């Protein structure tokens, strides 16, 4: 994760990133729908997760009408490598 402050991600954060990697881009509702089978989440929870991932530089968004469309800024491989490196380092 190219120099991010903390390499650790929660299971929910990883789930959000996986949804974005799978879709390429998605709205908050799209991410929520993608995660619904494994874990139903409130729209506000998904919005908070996306905001926190964006603050860490892992997600970005663009406005499309009244909605934000999100995409991951790091590849799955980069995130996984960084997480493994963090585990080894600790």
N, C-alpha and C. Protein backbone atom coordinates (compact mmCIF):
# COMPACT_ATOMS: atom_id res chain seq x y z
N UNK A 1 0.83 -1.17 0.00
CA UNK A 1 0.00 0.00 0.00
C UNK A 1 0.88 1.23 0.00
N UNK A 2 1.77 1.23 -0.85
CA UNK A 2 2.71 2.32 -1.08
C UNK A 2 2.80 3.37 0.01
N UNK A 3 3.33 2.95 1.16
CA UNK A 3 3.64 3.93 2.19
C UNK A 3 2.47 4.43 3.00
N UNK A 4 1.38 3.72 3.05
CA UNK A 4 0.25 4.14 3.86
C UNK A 4 0.62 4.06 5.34
N UNK A 5 -0.05 4.84 6.15
CA UNK A 5 0.29 4.93 7.57
C UNK A 5 0.14 3.60 8.29
N UNK A 6 -0.81 2.79 7.91
CA UNK A 6 -1.05 1.54 8.61
C UNK A 6 -1.44 0.48 7.58
N UNK A 7 -0.76 -0.65 7.61
CA UNK A 7 -1.01 -1.70 6.63
C UNK A 7 -2.21 -2.56 7.00
N UNK A 8 -2.74 -2.43 8.19
CA UNK A 8 -3.82 -3.30 8.64
C UNK A 8 -5.17 -2.82 8.14
N UNK A 9 -5.94 -3.78 7.66
CA UNK A 9 -7.30 -3.50 7.23
C UNK A 9 -8.23 -4.48 7.92
N UNK A 10 -9.41 -4.01 8.28
CA UNK A 10 -10.40 -4.90 8.88
C UNK A 10 -11.00 -5.79 7.79
N UNK A 11 -11.68 -6.81 8.22
CA UNK A 11 -12.36 -7.69 7.28
C UNK A 11 -13.38 -6.94 6.44
N UNK A 12 -14.09 -6.01 7.07
CA UNK A 12 -15.07 -5.21 6.33
C UNK A 12 -14.40 -4.31 5.30
N UNK A 13 -13.28 -3.71 5.69
CA UNK A 13 -12.56 -2.85 4.74
C UNK A 13 -12.08 -3.67 3.54
N UNK A 14 -11.57 -4.86 3.82
CA UNK A 14 -11.15 -5.74 2.72
C UNK A 14 -12.34 -6.13 1.85
N UNK A 15 -13.47 -6.38 2.48
CA UNK A 15 -14.66 -6.71 1.72
C UNK A 15 -15.07 -5.59 0.77
N UNK A 16 -14.99 -4.36 1.25
CA UNK A 16 -15.30 -3.20 0.41
C UNK A 16 -14.32 -3.11 -0.75
N UNK A 17 -13.04 -3.28 -0.47
CA UNK A 17 -12.04 -3.24 -1.53
C UNK A 17 -12.27 -4.36 -2.54
N UNK A 18 -12.58 -5.55 -2.07
CA UNK A 18 -12.85 -6.67 -2.99
C UNK A 18 -14.05 -6.36 -3.89
N UNK A 19 -15.07 -5.74 -3.31
CA UNK A 19 -16.24 -5.37 -4.12
C UNK A 19 -15.83 -4.38 -5.21
N UNK A 20 -14.98 -3.42 -4.87
CA UNK A 20 -14.53 -2.44 -5.86
C UNK A 20 -13.61 -3.08 -6.89
N UNK A 21 -12.72 -3.96 -6.46
CA UNK A 21 -11.85 -4.64 -7.42
C UNK A 21 -12.67 -5.47 -8.41
N UNK A 22 -13.69 -6.11 -7.90
CA UNK A 22 -14.54 -6.95 -8.75
C UNK A 22 -15.33 -6.13 -9.75
N UNK A 23 -15.88 -5.02 -9.29
CA UNK A 23 -16.74 -4.18 -10.15
C UNK A 23 -15.95 -3.17 -10.97
N UNK A 24 -14.76 -2.83 -10.53
CA UNK A 24 -14.01 -1.75 -11.18
C UNK A 24 -14.38 -0.42 -10.56
N UNK A 25 -15.65 -0.10 -10.59
CA UNK A 25 -16.20 1.10 -9.95
C UNK A 25 -17.58 0.74 -9.41
N UNK A 26 -17.97 1.42 -8.34
CA UNK A 26 -19.30 1.17 -7.79
C UNK A 26 -19.73 2.33 -6.92
N UNK A 27 -21.03 2.52 -6.83
CA UNK A 27 -21.60 3.48 -5.89
C UNK A 27 -21.60 2.82 -4.51
N UNK A 28 -21.90 3.60 -3.50
CA UNK A 28 -22.03 3.03 -2.16
C UNK A 28 -23.08 1.93 -2.14
N UNK A 29 -24.19 2.16 -2.84
CA UNK A 29 -25.24 1.14 -2.90
C UNK A 29 -24.74 -0.12 -3.62
N UNK A 30 -23.93 0.07 -4.66
CA UNK A 30 -23.36 -1.08 -5.37
C UNK A 30 -22.46 -1.90 -4.48
N UNK A 31 -21.65 -1.22 -3.68
CA UNK A 31 -20.78 -1.93 -2.72
C UNK A 31 -21.65 -2.66 -1.71
N UNK A 32 -22.66 -1.98 -1.21
CA UNK A 32 -23.57 -2.59 -0.22
C UNK A 32 -24.24 -3.83 -0.79
N UNK A 33 -24.72 -3.74 -2.02
CA UNK A 33 -25.36 -4.88 -2.67
C UNK A 33 -24.38 -6.04 -2.84
N UNK A 34 -23.15 -5.72 -3.18
CA UNK A 34 -22.12 -6.75 -3.37
C UNK A 34 -21.82 -7.50 -2.08
N UNK A 35 -21.90 -6.81 -0.96
CA UNK A 35 -21.59 -7.43 0.33
C UNK A 35 -22.82 -8.04 1.02
N UNK A 36 -24.00 -7.83 0.47
CA UNK A 36 -25.25 -8.19 1.15
C UNK A 36 -25.34 -9.67 1.51
N UNK A 37 -24.86 -10.56 0.66
CA UNK A 37 -24.96 -12.00 0.93
C UNK A 37 -24.13 -12.42 2.13
N UNK A 38 -22.91 -11.87 2.23
CA UNK A 38 -22.04 -12.26 3.34
C UNK A 38 -22.29 -11.44 4.60
N UNK A 39 -22.69 -10.17 4.42
CA UNK A 39 -22.91 -9.33 5.59
C UNK A 39 -23.77 -8.13 5.22
N UNK A 40 -25.04 -8.15 5.58
CA UNK A 40 -25.89 -7.00 5.31
C UNK A 40 -25.43 -5.79 6.13
N UNK A 41 -25.25 -4.67 5.47
CA UNK A 41 -24.76 -3.46 6.13
C UNK A 41 -25.69 -2.29 5.88
N UNK A 42 -25.76 -1.40 6.83
CA UNK A 42 -26.53 -0.17 6.67
C UNK A 42 -25.80 0.74 5.67
N UNK A 43 -26.54 1.54 4.93
CA UNK A 43 -25.90 2.47 3.99
C UNK A 43 -24.89 3.39 4.68
N UNK A 44 -25.18 3.81 5.90
CA UNK A 44 -24.25 4.70 6.61
C UNK A 44 -22.94 3.98 6.95
N UNK A 45 -23.02 2.69 7.23
CA UNK A 45 -21.81 1.91 7.52
C UNK A 45 -20.92 1.83 6.29
N UNK A 46 -21.53 1.56 5.15
CA UNK A 46 -20.76 1.49 3.90
C UNK A 46 -20.15 2.85 3.59
N UNK A 47 -20.91 3.92 3.77
CA UNK A 47 -20.39 5.27 3.52
C UNK A 47 -19.19 5.57 4.43
N UNK A 48 -19.28 5.17 5.69
CA UNK A 48 -18.17 5.39 6.62
C UNK A 48 -16.94 4.59 6.21
N UNK A 49 -17.14 3.34 5.83
CA UNK A 49 -16.01 2.51 5.38
C UNK A 49 -15.34 3.13 4.16
N UNK A 50 -16.14 3.57 3.20
CA UNK A 50 -15.58 4.18 2.00
C UNK A 50 -14.82 5.47 2.32
N UNK A 51 -15.38 6.28 3.22
CA UNK A 51 -14.73 7.53 3.61
C UNK A 51 -13.38 7.25 4.27
N UNK A 52 -13.34 6.26 5.15
CA UNK A 52 -12.09 5.93 5.83
C UNK A 52 -11.04 5.35 4.88
N UNK A 53 -11.49 4.52 3.94
CA UNK A 53 -10.56 3.98 2.95
C UNK A 53 -10.04 5.10 2.05
N UNK A 54 -10.90 6.07 1.75
CA UNK A 54 -10.47 7.20 0.94
C UNK A 54 -9.46 8.06 1.70
N UNK A 55 -9.67 8.25 2.99
CA UNK A 55 -8.73 9.02 3.81
C UNK A 55 -7.36 8.36 3.84
N UNK A 56 -7.33 7.05 3.72
CA UNK A 56 -6.06 6.31 3.71
C UNK A 56 -5.45 6.23 2.31
N UNK A 57 -6.15 6.76 1.32
CA UNK A 57 -5.63 6.77 -0.04
C UNK A 57 -5.86 5.48 -0.80
N UNK A 58 -6.73 4.62 -0.30
CA UNK A 58 -6.97 3.33 -0.95
C UNK A 58 -8.15 3.36 -1.90
N UNK A 59 -8.97 4.41 -1.78
CA UNK A 59 -10.18 4.56 -2.59
C UNK A 59 -10.26 6.02 -3.01
N UNK A 60 -10.81 6.24 -4.18
CA UNK A 60 -11.10 7.59 -4.64
C UNK A 60 -12.52 7.60 -5.19
N UNK A 61 -13.06 8.78 -5.38
CA UNK A 61 -14.41 8.85 -5.93
C UNK A 61 -14.52 10.00 -6.92
N UNK A 62 -15.56 9.90 -7.72
CA UNK A 62 -15.96 10.99 -8.61
C UNK A 62 -17.47 11.13 -8.47
N UNK A 63 -17.94 12.30 -8.74
CA UNK A 63 -19.38 12.56 -8.64
C UNK A 63 -20.03 12.26 -9.98
N UNK A 64 -21.13 11.53 -9.92
CA UNK A 64 -21.93 11.26 -11.11
C UNK A 64 -23.37 11.60 -10.76
N UNK A 65 -23.81 12.77 -11.18
CA UNK A 65 -25.13 13.24 -10.76
C UNK A 65 -25.11 13.51 -9.27
N UNK A 66 -26.01 12.86 -8.56
CA UNK A 66 -26.08 13.05 -7.11
C UNK A 66 -25.33 11.96 -6.34
N UNK A 67 -24.71 11.04 -7.04
CA UNK A 67 -24.03 9.93 -6.39
C UNK A 67 -22.52 10.04 -6.54
N UNK A 68 -21.82 9.42 -5.59
CA UNK A 68 -20.38 9.24 -5.72
C UNK A 68 -20.14 7.85 -6.31
N UNK A 69 -19.20 7.77 -7.22
CA UNK A 69 -18.79 6.49 -7.79
C UNK A 69 -17.35 6.26 -7.32
N UNK A 70 -17.14 5.14 -6.65
CA UNK A 70 -15.86 4.84 -6.02
C UNK A 70 -15.07 3.84 -6.83
N UNK A 71 -13.74 3.93 -6.69
CA UNK A 71 -12.84 2.92 -7.26
C UNK A 71 -11.63 2.80 -6.35
N UNK A 72 -11.05 1.62 -6.35
CA UNK A 72 -9.84 1.39 -5.56
C UNK A 72 -8.65 2.03 -6.27
N UNK A 73 -7.74 2.58 -5.50
CA UNK A 73 -6.54 3.19 -6.08
C UNK A 73 -5.35 2.25 -6.05
N UNK A 74 -5.48 1.16 -5.31
CA UNK A 74 -4.42 0.15 -5.21
C UNK A 74 -4.96 -1.17 -5.73
N UNK A 75 -4.08 -1.98 -6.30
CA UNK A 75 -4.50 -3.29 -6.77
C UNK A 75 -4.58 -4.27 -5.60
N UNK A 76 -5.29 -5.34 -5.81
CA UNK A 76 -5.39 -6.39 -4.79
C UNK A 76 -4.00 -6.91 -4.44
N UNK A 77 -3.19 -7.09 -5.44
CA UNK A 77 -1.83 -7.61 -5.22
C UNK A 77 -1.01 -6.67 -4.34
N UNK A 78 -1.10 -5.36 -4.60
CA UNK A 78 -0.36 -4.38 -3.80
C UNK A 78 -0.82 -4.39 -2.34
N UNK A 79 -2.13 -4.45 -2.13
CA UNK A 79 -2.66 -4.45 -0.78
C UNK A 79 -2.25 -5.72 -0.04
N UNK A 80 -2.39 -6.86 -0.71
CA UNK A 80 -2.02 -8.12 -0.07
C UNK A 80 -0.53 -8.15 0.26
N UNK A 81 0.30 -7.70 -0.65
CA UNK A 81 1.74 -7.67 -0.42
C UNK A 81 2.08 -6.80 0.78
N UNK A 82 1.44 -5.65 0.87
CA UNK A 82 1.69 -4.72 1.96
C UNK A 82 1.24 -5.33 3.29
N UNK A 83 0.11 -6.00 3.28
CA UNK A 83 -0.39 -6.62 4.51
C UNK A 83 0.55 -7.74 4.98
N UNK A 84 1.04 -8.53 4.04
CA UNK A 84 1.97 -9.61 4.39
C UNK A 84 3.26 -9.00 4.92
N UNK A 85 3.76 -7.97 4.28
CA UNK A 85 4.97 -7.30 4.75
C UNK A 85 4.77 -6.76 6.16
N UNK A 86 3.59 -6.21 6.44
CA UNK A 86 3.29 -5.71 7.77
C UNK A 86 3.28 -6.81 8.81
N UNK A 87 2.75 -7.97 8.46
CA UNK A 87 2.75 -9.12 9.36
C UNK A 87 4.18 -9.59 9.66
N UNK A 88 4.98 -9.66 8.61
CA UNK A 88 6.38 -10.10 8.77
C UNK A 88 7.13 -9.10 9.65
N UNK A 89 6.90 -7.82 9.41
CA UNK A 89 7.57 -6.76 10.15
C UNK A 89 7.19 -6.81 11.63
N UNK A 90 5.93 -7.08 11.91
CA UNK A 90 5.47 -7.12 13.31
C UNK A 90 5.96 -8.37 13.99
